Amino acid sequence: MQSIRSKGLQIPRLGFGTFRMPGDGCEAVVESALDLGYRHIDTAAMYDNEAAVGRAIKVSGVAREDIFLTTKVWHDQLEPGALVEAFKVSLNKLDVDYIDLFMVHWPSPSMHMAQVMTAMQSLLDQGLIRGIGVCNFNMPMLREAIDQLGAPIAAVQVEYHPFLDQSALLGFLRARDIPLVAHAPLAQGRATQDPVLTRIAAKHGATAAQVAIAWLLQQEGVIAIPKAQRRENQMSNLQSLNVTLDEEDRQLIAALPKDQRFVQPPFAPDWDAK
């Protein structure tokens, strides 16, 4: 498993997402993923599964230091005191001594960016987290956090898949040596049925899902965190590491529509803001 180095962290390029896996049922799913070889686990307070993820880590037999663990604070907890308290709740539920990457899950219009970043930095300074990240920030928010405030952002997580252009964001992040973590890398399942990806997959003896994940992982500075509840799908996603796309494949994928955003809650920021 290849990793990307960022702000002193080694982040495995293929992670395991746990969105929409609430409750105790998530425990066996994460145990299976760890057993198959996943070492990057992505959860969040909002997913309502941190306790189950923590138990899976405990019983997996995998050393804590060999697992890269991400969790996130929800957008209604970004006042500094609330953020720190929310972190403590997550740490307690996960039942670990530290979090590898603690991220703001979604921005809030009312957040005070400098105060948010200062609160995150305080957790970093105490050794309770190893890295700071943000999810679903638009470009003005990223410029403020990274360029104006100098926050040591170790990763930025956004929706990214073959049907959504993120070239401007990728250029911005690559210039600053910050990786992009792609959530919804299969476009919420749509990639598995796409005829172009299916045709490419047939050429490589792969699946359309494997092609979509391989396309992400073969880009500079991109990490993907697909989710899969069934063990056979977890294994299949891992096997995307064995798929090597050629220039013809990349051109076919480049020609797909790139304006399809599927994660668009009512509290999302203005994605077109410059």
C-alpha atoms as a PDB file:
ATOM      1  CA  MET A   1       0.000   0.000   0.000  1.00  0.00           C
ATOM      2  CA  GLN A   2       1.526   3.298  -1.078  1.00  0.00           C
ATOM      3  CA  SER A   3       1.345   6.306   1.222  1.00  0.00           C
ATOM      4  CA  ILE A   4       1.521  10.045   0.740  1.00  0.00           C
ATOM      5  CA  ARG A   5       3.639  12.049   3.137  1.00  0.00           C
ATOM      6  CA  SER A   6       2.102  15.286   4.403  1.00  0.00           C
ATOM      7  CA  LYS A   7       3.049  17.400   7.421  1.00  0.00           C
ATOM      8  CA  GLY A   8       4.937  14.475   8.926  1.00  0.00           C
ATOM      9  CA  LEU A   9       2.104  12.004   8.361  1.00  0.00           C
ATOM     10  CA  GLN A  10       2.191   8.904   6.172  1.00  0.00           C
ATOM     11  CA  ILE A  11      -1.339   8.620   4.759  1.00  0.00           C
ATOM     12  CA  PRO A  12      -2.206   5.350   2.969  1.00  0.00           C
ATOM     13  CA  ARG A  13      -3.472   6.215  -0.505  1.00  0.00           C
ATOM     14  CA  LEU A  14      -6.384   3.784  -0.417  1.00  0.00           C
ATOM     15  CA  GLY A  15      -8.498   4.186   2.690  1.00  0.00           C
ATOM     16  CA  PHE A  16     -11.754   2.739   3.951  1.00  0.00           C
ATOM     17  CA  GLY A  17     -14.786   5.004   4.309  1.00  0.00           C
ATOM     18  CA  THR A  18     -17.567   4.335   6.826  1.00  0.00           C
ATOM     19  CA  PHE A  19     -20.265   6.853   5.832  1.00  0.00           C
ATOM     20  CA  ARG A  20     -23.814   5.491   6.186  1.00  0.00           C
ATOM     21  CA  MET A  21     -22.643   2.591   8.350  1.00  0.00           C
ATOM     22  CA  PRO A  22     -24.195   3.644  11.673  1.00  0.00           C
ATOM     23  CA  GLY A  23     -24.299   1.652  14.866  1.00  0.00           C
ATOM     24  CA  ASP A  24     -22.843  -1.643  15.940  1.00  0.00           C
ATOM     25  CA  GLY A  25     -23.086  -3.219  12.490  1.00  0.00           C
ATOM     26  CA  CYS A  26     -20.083  -1.158  11.464  1.00  0.00           C
ATOM     27  CA  GLU A  27     -17.801  -3.088  13.812  1.00  0.00           C
ATOM     28  CA  ALA A  28     -17.701  -6.326  11.805  1.00  0.00           C
ATOM     29  CA  VAL A  29     -17.364  -4.366   8.562  1.00  0.00           C
ATOM     30  CA  VAL A  30     -14.281  -2.482   9.782  1.00  0.00           C
ATOM     31  CA  GLU A  31     -12.836  -5.674  11.275  1.00  0.00           C
ATOM     32  CA  SER A  32     -13.119  -7.274   7.847  1.00  0.00           C
ATOM     33  CA  ALA A  33     -11.451  -4.291   6.166  1.00  0.00           C
ATOM     34  CA  LEU A  34      -8.541  -4.363   8.593  1.00  0.00           C
ATOM     35  CA  ASP A  35      -8.199  -8.114   8.157  1.00  0.00           C
ATOM     36  CA  LEU A  36      -7.937  -7.648   4.378  1.00  0.00           C
ATOM     37  CA  GLY A  37      -5.175  -5.078   4.751  1.00  0.00           C
ATOM     38  CA  TYR A  38      -6.779  -1.646   4.904  1.00  0.00           C
ATOM     39  CA  ARG A  39      -4.819   0.613   7.247  1.00  0.00           C
ATOM     40  CA  HIS A  40      -6.545   3.965   6.695  1.00  0.00           C
ATOM     41  CA  ILE A  41      -9.975   4.185   8.366  1.00  0.00           C
ATOM     42  CA  ASP A  42     -12.179   7.251   7.890  1.00  0.00           C
ATOM     43  CA  THR A  43     -15.039   7.979  10.280  1.00  0.00           C
ATOM     44  CA  ALA A  44     -16.798  11.049  11.718  1.00  0.00           C
ATOM     45  CA  ALA A  45     -18.917  12.079  14.662  1.00  0.00           C
ATOM     46  CA  MET A  46     -21.899  12.468  12.319  1.00  0.00           C
ATOM     47  CA  TYR A  47     -21.604   8.869  11.101  1.00  0.00           C
ATOM     48  CA  ASP A  48     -22.662   7.597  14.541  1.00  0.00           C
ATOM     49  CA  ASN A  49     -20.196   4.721  14.389  1.00  0.00           C
ATOM     50  CA  GLU A  50     -17.053   5.900  16.185  1.00  0.00           C
ATOM     51  CA  ALA A  51     -17.552   3.468  19.079  1.00  0.00           C
ATOM     52  CA  ALA A  52     -17.962   0.563  16.656  1.00  0.00           C
ATOM     53  CA  VAL A  53     -14.853   1.628  14.716  1.00  0.00           C
ATOM     54  CA  GLY A  54     -12.911   1.825  17.968  1.00  0.00           C
ATOM     55  CA  ARG A  55     -13.974  -1.674  18.994  1.00  0.00           C
ATOM     56  CA  ALA A  56     -13.024  -3.040  15.581  1.00  0.00           C
ATOM     57  CA  ILE A  57      -9.551  -1.541  15.922  1.00  0.00           C
ATOM     58  CA  LYS A  58      -9.192  -3.056  19.399  1.00  0.00           C
ATOM     59  CA  VAL A  59     -10.109  -6.604  18.360  1.00  0.00           C
ATOM     60  CA  SER A  60      -8.389  -6.537  14.968  1.00  0.00           C
ATOM     61  CA  GLY A  61      -4.970  -7.444  16.311  1.00  0.00           C
ATOM     62  CA  VAL A  62      -3.468  -4.631  14.234  1.00  0.00           C
ATOM     63  CA  ALA A  63      -1.217  -2.333  16.238  1.00  0.00           C
ATOM     64  CA  ARG A  64      -2.701   1.124  16.773  1.00  0.00           C
ATOM     65  CA  GLU A  65       0.390   2.795  15.306  1.00  0.00           C
ATOM     66  CA  ASP A  66      -0.124   0.841  12.081  1.00  0.00           C
ATOM     67  CA  ILE A  67      -3.609   2.307  11.542  1.00  0.00           C
ATOM     68  CA  PHE A  68      -4.206   5.795  10.153  1.00  0.00           C
ATOM     69  CA  LEU A  69      -7.420   6.947  11.818  1.00  0.00           C
ATOM     70  CA  THR A  70      -9.436   9.974  10.713  1.00  0.00           C
ATOM     71  CA  THR A  71     -12.476  11.467  12.389  1.00  0.00           C
ATOM     72  CA  LYS A  72     -14.319  14.759  11.958  1.00  0.00           C
ATOM     73  CA  VAL A  73     -16.199  17.443  13.862  1.00  0.00           C
ATOM     74  CA  TRP A  74     -19.659  18.466  12.635  1.00  0.00           C
ATOM     75  CA  HIS A  75     -20.351  21.982  11.397  1.00  0.00           C
ATOM     76  CA  ASP A  76     -22.507  22.951  14.397  1.00  0.00           C
ATOM     77  CA  GLN A  77     -19.566  22.386  16.778  1.00  0.00           C
ATOM     78  CA  LEU A  78     -17.024  24.856  15.383  1.00  0.00           C
ATOM     79  CA  GLU A  79     -17.027  27.392  18.195  1.00  0.00           C
ATOM     80  CA  PRO A  80     -13.615  26.733  19.812  1.00  0.00           C
ATOM     81  CA  GLY A  81     -14.909  25.401  23.114  1.00  0.00           C
ATOM     82  CA  ALA A  82     -17.495  23.227  21.407  1.00  0.00           C
ATOM     83  CA  LEU A  83     -14.904  21.922  18.959  1.00  0.00           C
ATOM     84  CA  VAL A  84     -12.581  20.791  21.734  1.00  0.00           C
ATOM     85  CA  GLU A  85     -15.450  19.146  23.610  1.00  0.00           C
ATOM     86  CA  ALA A  86     -16.622  17.396  20.441  1.00  0.00           C
ATOM     87  CA  PHE A  87     -13.088  16.106  19.922  1.00  0.00           C
ATOM     88  CA  LYS A  88     -13.010  14.688  23.460  1.00  0.00           C
ATOM     89  CA  VAL A  89     -16.306  12.882  22.831  1.00  0.00           C
ATOM     90  CA  SER A  90     -14.931  11.370  19.617  1.00  0.00           C
ATOM     91  CA  LEU A  91     -11.686  10.336  21.293  1.00  0.00           C
ATOM     92  CA  ASN A  92     -13.652   8.674  24.099  1.00  0.00           C
ATOM     93  CA  LYS A  93     -15.952   6.823  21.704  1.00  0.00           C
ATOM     94  CA  LEU A  94     -13.048   5.605  19.597  1.00  0.00           C
ATOM     95  CA  ASP A  95     -11.243   4.621  22.818  1.00  0.00           C
ATOM     96  CA  VAL A  96      -7.810   5.541  21.486  1.00  0.00           C
ATOM     97  CA  ASP A  97      -5.062   7.810  22.817  1.00  0.00           C
ATOM     98  CA  TYR A  98      -4.827  10.014  19.732  1.00  0.00           C
ATOM     99  CA  ILE A  99      -6.353  10.679  16.311  1.00  0.00           C
ATOM    100  CA  ASP A 100      -4.107  10.717  13.262  1.00  0.00           C
ATOM    101  CA  LEU A 101      -6.169  13.250  11.330  1.00  0.00           C
ATOM    102  CA  PHE A 102      -8.894  15.435  12.853  1.00  0.00           C
ATOM    103  CA  MET A 103     -10.948  17.296  10.261  1.00  0.00           C
ATOM    104  CA  VAL A 104     -13.626  19.957  10.075  1.00  0.00           C
ATOM    105  CA  HIS A 105     -16.400  17.977   8.378  1.00  0.00           C
ATOM    106  CA  TRP A 106     -18.234  20.879   6.744  1.00  0.00           C
ATOM    107  CA  PRO A 107     -17.694  24.625   7.024  1.00  0.00           C
ATOM    108  CA  SER A 108     -20.241  26.851   8.702  1.00  0.00           C
ATOM    109  CA  PRO A 109     -21.147  30.375   7.551  1.00  0.00           C
ATOM    110  CA  SER A 110     -20.834  31.536  11.146  1.00  0.00           C
ATOM    111  CA  MET A 111     -17.441  29.989  11.883  1.00  0.00           C
ATOM    112  CA  HIS A 112     -14.499  32.207  12.773  1.00  0.00           C
ATOM    113  CA  MET A 113     -11.730  30.623  10.728  1.00  0.00           C
ATOM    114  CA  ALA A 114      -8.828  31.856  12.880  1.00  0.00           C
ATOM    115  CA  GLN A 115     -10.486  30.570  16.054  1.00  0.00           C
ATOM    116  CA  VAL A 116     -11.281  27.207  14.472  1.00  0.00           C
ATOM    117  CA  MET A 117      -7.706  26.741  13.317  1.00  0.00           C
ATOM    118  CA  THR A 118      -6.330  27.859  16.691  1.00  0.00           C
ATOM    119  CA  ALA A 119      -8.504  25.288  18.460  1.00  0.00           C
ATOM    120  CA  MET A 120      -7.334  22.571  16.067  1.00  0.00           C
ATOM    121  CA  GLN A 121      -3.721  23.662  16.576  1.00  0.00           C
ATOM    122  CA  SER A 122      -4.136  23.366  20.344  1.00  0.00           C
ATOM    123  CA  LEU A 123      -5.086  19.693  19.944  1.00  0.00           C
ATOM    124  CA  LEU A 124      -2.056  19.211  17.720  1.00  0.00           C
ATOM    125  CA  ASP A 125       0.232  20.906  20.247  1.00  0.00           C
ATOM    126  CA  GLN A 126      -1.059  18.604  23.002  1.00  0.00           C
ATOM    127  CA  GLY A 127      -0.304  15.509  20.934  1.00  0.00           C
ATOM    128  CA  LEU A 128      -3.958  14.495  20.891  1.00  0.00           C
ATOM    129  CA  ILE A 129      -4.002  14.643  17.108  1.00  0.00           C
ATOM    130  CA  ARG A 130      -1.182  14.145  14.622  1.00  0.00           C
ATOM    131  CA  GLY A 131      -2.639  16.219  11.819  1.00  0.00           C
ATOM    132  CA  ILE A 132      -5.258  18.848  10.963  1.00  0.00           C
ATOM    133  CA  GLY A 133      -7.579  18.586   7.975  1.00  0.00           C
ATOM    134  CA  VAL A 134     -10.652  20.191   6.461  1.00  0.00           C
ATOM    135  CA  CYS A 135     -13.457  18.776   4.341  1.00  0.00           C
ATOM    136  CA  ASN A 136     -15.741  20.437   1.835  1.00  0.00           C
ATOM    137  CA  PHE A 137     -14.131  23.887   1.987  1.00  0.00           C
ATOM    138  CA  ASN A 138     -14.346  26.066  -1.100  1.00  0.00           C
ATOM    139  CA  MET A 139     -11.362  27.930  -2.526  1.00  0.00           C
ATOM    140  CA  PRO A 140     -11.759  31.196  -0.543  1.00  0.00           C
ATOM    141  CA  MET A 141     -11.972  29.190   2.687  1.00  0.00           C
ATOM    142  CA  LEU A 142      -8.853  27.221   1.814  1.00  0.00           C
ATOM    143  CA  ARG A 143      -6.921  30.374   0.930  1.00  0.00           C
ATOM    144  CA  GLU A 144      -7.872  31.901   4.262  1.00  0.00           C
ATOM    145  CA  ALA A 145      -6.974  28.833   6.309  1.00  0.00           C
ATOM    146  CA  ILE A 146      -3.780  27.875   4.470  1.00  0.00           C
ATOM    147  CA  ASP A 147      -2.368  31.031   2.883  1.00  0.00           C
ATOM    148  CA  GLN A 148      -3.547  33.766   5.231  1.00  0.00           C
ATOM    149  CA  LEU A 149      -3.543  31.953   8.573  1.00  0.00           C
ATOM    150  CA  GLY A 150      -0.783  29.446   7.811  1.00  0.00           C
ATOM    151  CA  ALA A 151      -2.719  26.519   9.282  1.00  0.00           C
ATOM    152  CA  PRO A 152      -0.723  23.291   8.831  1.00  0.00           C
ATOM    153  CA  ILE A 153      -3.454  21.543   6.862  1.00  0.00           C
ATOM    154  CA  ALA A 154      -2.329  17.963   6.176  1.00  0.00           C
ATOM    155  CA  ALA A 155      -5.188  16.958   3.870  1.00  0.00           C
ATOM    156  CA  VAL A 156      -8.314  18.344   2.227  1.00  0.00           C
ATOM    157  CA  GLN A 157     -11.255  15.982   1.736  1.00  0.00           C
ATOM    158  CA  VAL A 158     -13.803  16.717  -1.008  1.00  0.00           C
ATOM    159  CA  GLU A 159     -16.092  14.894  -3.398  1.00  0.00           C
ATOM    160  CA  TYR A 160     -14.026  13.666  -6.340  1.00  0.00           C
ATOM    161  CA  HIS A 161     -14.761  11.057  -8.993  1.00  0.00           C
ATOM    162  CA  PRO A 162     -14.631  10.699 -12.800  1.00  0.00           C
ATOM    163  CA  PHE A 163     -17.716  12.899 -13.247  1.00  0.00           C
ATOM    164  CA  LEU A 164     -16.542  15.957 -11.283  1.00  0.00           C
ATOM    165  CA  ASP A 165     -13.736  18.314 -12.221  1.00  0.00           C
ATOM    166  CA  GLN A 166     -11.441  19.214  -9.329  1.00  0.00           C
ATOM    167  CA  SER A 167      -8.500  20.424 -11.416  1.00  0.00           C
ATOM    168  CA  ALA A 168      -8.420  23.934  -9.914  1.00  0.00           C
ATOM    169  CA  LEU A 169      -8.415  22.567  -6.386  1.00  0.00           C
ATOM    170  CA  LEU A 170      -5.785  19.963  -7.275  1.00  0.00           C
ATOM    171  CA  GLY A 171      -3.523  22.651  -8.711  1.00  0.00           C
ATOM    172  CA  PHE A 172      -3.905  24.731  -5.565  1.00  0.00           C
ATOM    173  CA  LEU A 173      -3.157  21.791  -3.261  1.00  0.00           C
ATOM    174  CA  ARG A 174      -0.248  20.401  -5.286  1.00  0.00           C
ATOM    175  CA  ALA A 175       1.453  23.788  -5.193  1.00  0.00           C
ATOM    176  CA  ARG A 176       1.330  23.511  -1.393  1.00  0.00           C
ATOM    177  CA  ASP A 177       2.140  19.767  -1.100  1.00  0.00           C
ATOM    178  CA  ILE A 178      -1.253  18.978   0.408  1.00  0.00           C
ATOM    179  CA  PRO A 179      -3.047  15.783  -0.673  1.00  0.00           C
ATOM    180  CA  LEU A 180      -6.678  15.630  -1.768  1.00  0.00           C
ATOM    181  CA  VAL A 181      -8.770  12.892  -0.143  1.00  0.00           C
ATOM    182  CA  ALA A 182     -11.571  11.853  -2.496  1.00  0.00           C
ATOM    183  CA  HIS A 183     -14.845  11.039  -0.799  1.00  0.00           C
ATOM    184  CA  ALA A 184     -17.693   9.531  -2.861  1.00  0.00           C
ATOM    185  CA  PRO A 185     -15.013   8.188  -5.260  1.00  0.00           C
ATOM    186  CA  LEU A 186     -17.582   5.956  -6.961  1.00  0.00           C
ATOM    187  CA  ALA A 187     -20.075   8.831  -7.357  1.00  0.00           C
ATOM    188  CA  GLN A 188     -22.391   7.093  -4.882  1.00  0.00           C
ATOM    189  CA  GLY A 189     -22.390   3.935  -6.982  1.00  0.00           C
ATOM    190  CA  ARG A 190     -22.926   5.590 -10.365  1.00  0.00           C
ATOM    191  CA  ALA A 191     -19.399   4.764 -11.502  1.00  0.00           C
ATOM    192  CA  THR A 192     -20.140   1.048 -11.272  1.00  0.00           C
ATOM    193  CA  GLN A 193     -22.736   1.310 -14.067  1.00  0.00           C
ATOM    194  CA  ASP A 194     -21.078   3.844 -16.361  1.00  0.00           C
ATOM    195  CA  PRO A 195     -20.663   2.424 -19.895  1.00  0.00           C
ATOM    196  CA  VAL A 196     -17.338   4.151 -20.562  1.00  0.00           C
ATOM    197  CA  LEU A 197     -15.793   2.913 -17.316  1.00  0.00           C
ATOM    198  CA  THR A 198     -17.283  -0.527 -17.983  1.00  0.00           C
ATOM    199  CA  ARG A 199     -15.642  -0.630 -21.422  1.00  0.00           C
ATOM    200  CA  ILE A 200     -12.268   0.367 -19.975  1.00  0.00           C
ATOM    201  CA  ALA A 201     -12.705  -2.234 -17.244  1.00  0.00           C
ATOM    202  CA  ALA A 202     -13.330  -5.009 -19.777  1.00  0.00           C
ATOM    203  CA  LYS A 203     -10.047  -4.123 -21.486  1.00  0.00           C
ATOM    204  CA  HIS A 204      -8.150  -4.593 -18.196  1.00  0.00           C
ATOM    205  CA  GLY A 205     -10.097  -7.559 -16.852  1.00  0.00           C
ATOM    206  CA  ALA A 206     -11.327  -5.312 -14.056  1.00  0.00           C
ATOM    207  CA  THR A 207     -14.577  -3.746 -12.853  1.00  0.00           C
ATOM    208  CA  ALA A 208     -15.832  -0.234 -13.499  1.00  0.00           C
ATOM    209  CA  ALA A 209     -15.444   0.526  -9.792  1.00  0.00           C
ATOM    210  CA  GLN A 210     -11.803  -0.572  -9.897  1.00  0.00           C
ATOM    211  CA  VAL A 211     -11.198   1.682 -12.894  1.00  0.00           C
ATOM    212  CA  ALA A 212     -12.750   4.682 -11.099  1.00  0.00           C
ATOM    213  CA  ILE A 213     -10.588   4.114  -8.019  1.00  0.00           C
ATOM    214  CA  ALA A 214      -7.452   3.443 -10.081  1.00  0.00           C
ATOM    215  CA  TRP A 215      -8.065   6.688 -12.011  1.00  0.00           C
ATOM    216  CA  LEU A 216      -7.987   8.594  -8.723  1.00  0.00           C
ATOM    217  CA  LEU A 217      -5.002   6.794  -7.224  1.00  0.00           C
ATOM    218  CA  GLN A 218      -2.904   7.274 -10.351  1.00  0.00           C
ATOM    219  CA  GLN A 219      -3.134  11.049 -10.002  1.00  0.00           C
ATOM    220  CA  GLU A 220      -0.475  12.974  -8.131  1.00  0.00           C
ATOM    221  CA  GLY A 221      -1.447  13.733  -4.553  1.00  0.00           C
ATOM    222  CA  VAL A 222      -4.827  11.952  -4.538  1.00  0.00           C
ATOM    223  CA  ILE A 223      -6.109   9.574  -1.857  1.00  0.00           C
ATOM    224  CA  ALA A 224      -9.412   7.668  -2.148  1.00  0.00           C
ATOM    225  CA  ILE A 225     -11.673   6.367   0.617  1.00  0.00           C
ATOM    226  CA  PRO A 226     -14.335   4.134  -0.965  1.00  0.00           C
ATOM    227  CA  LYS A 227     -16.746   2.395   1.371  1.00  0.00           C
ATOM    228  CA  ALA A 228     -17.875  -1.200   1.031  1.00  0.00           C
ATOM    229  CA  GLN A 229     -19.856  -3.238   3.518  1.00  0.00           C
ATOM    230  CA  ARG A 230     -19.483  -6.605   1.815  1.00  0.00           C
ATOM    231  CA  ARG A 231     -16.114  -8.312   2.124  1.00  0.00           C
ATOM    232  CA  GLU A 232     -15.965  -9.175  -1.577  1.00  0.00           C
ATOM    233  CA  ASN A 233     -16.396  -5.489  -2.460  1.00  0.00           C
ATOM    234  CA  GLN A 234     -13.738  -4.503   0.069  1.00  0.00           C
ATOM    235  CA  MET A 235     -11.354  -6.942  -1.613  1.00  0.00           C
ATOM    236  CA  SER A 236     -12.358  -5.752  -5.070  1.00  0.00           C
ATOM    237  CA  ASN A 237     -11.577  -2.147  -4.130  1.00  0.00           C
ATOM    238  CA  LEU A 238      -8.162  -3.208  -2.871  1.00  0.00           C
ATOM    239  CA  GLN A 239      -7.513  -4.898  -6.200  1.00  0.00           C
ATOM    240  CA  SER A 240      -7.903  -1.536  -7.940  1.00  0.00           C
ATOM    241  CA  LEU A 241      -4.275  -1.076  -6.907  1.00  0.00           C
ATOM    242  CA  ASN A 242      -3.392  -3.653  -9.583  1.00  0.00           C
ATOM    243  CA  VAL A 243      -5.139  -1.788 -12.427  1.00  0.00           C
ATOM    244  CA  THR A 244      -2.859   0.438 -14.533  1.00  0.00           C
ATOM    245  CA  LEU A 245      -4.651   2.807 -16.880  1.00  0.00           C
ATOM    246  CA  ASP A 246      -3.059   3.974 -20.119  1.00  0.00           C
ATOM    247  CA  GLU A 247      -3.314   7.272 -21.984  1.00  0.00           C
ATOM    248  CA  GLU A 248      -6.259   6.091 -24.067  1.00  0.00           C
ATOM    249  CA  ASP A 249      -8.148   5.207 -20.869  1.00  0.00           C
ATOM    250  CA  ARG A 250      -7.396   8.591 -19.332  1.00  0.00           C
ATOM    251  CA  GLN A 251      -8.584  10.408 -22.438  1.00  0.00           C
ATOM    252  CA  LEU A 252     -11.860   8.488 -22.418  1.00  0.00           C
ATOM    253  CA  ILE A 253     -12.395   9.369 -18.753  1.00  0.00           C
ATOM    254  CA  ALA A 254     -11.429  12.989 -19.396  1.00  0.00           C
ATOM    255  CA  ALA A 255     -14.224  13.180 -21.984  1.00  0.00           C
ATOM    256  CA  LEU A 256     -16.894  12.198 -19.432  1.00  0.00           C
ATOM    257  CA  PRO A 257     -19.124  14.998 -18.077  1.00  0.00           C
ATOM    258  CA  LYS A 258     -17.242  16.717 -15.270  1.00  0.00           C
ATOM    259  CA  ASP A 259     -20.037  18.828 -13.731  1.00  0.00           C
ATOM    260  CA  GLN A 260     -21.845  16.196 -11.688  1.00  0.00           C
ATOM    261  CA  ARG A 261     -21.791  16.884  -7.963  1.00  0.00           C
ATOM    262  CA  PHE A 262     -23.826  14.432  -5.918  1.00  0.00           C
ATOM    263  CA  VAL A 263     -22.977  15.506  -2.340  1.00  0.00           C
ATOM    264  CA  GLN A 264     -24.840  18.797  -2.066  1.00  0.00           C
ATOM    265  CA  PRO A 265     -26.496  19.252   1.348  1.00  0.00           C
ATOM    266  CA  PRO A 266     -28.339  22.509   2.029  1.00  0.00           C
ATOM    267  CA  PHE A 267     -25.464  23.757   4.205  1.00  0.00           C
ATOM    268  CA  ALA A 268     -22.808  23.249   1.493  1.00  0.00           C
ATOM    269  CA  PRO A 269     -20.670  26.293   0.664  1.00  0.00           C
ATOM    270  CA  ASP A 270     -20.731  28.134  -2.659  1.00  0.00           C
ATOM    271  CA  TRP A 271     -18.554  25.845  -4.778  1.00  0.00           C
ATOM    272  CA  ASP A 272     -18.177  28.488  -7.493  1.00  0.00           C
ATOM    273  CA  ALA A 273     -16.714  31.103  -5.169  1.00  0.00           C
ATOM    274  CA  LYS A 274     -13.272  32.205  -6.279  1.00  0.00           C
END
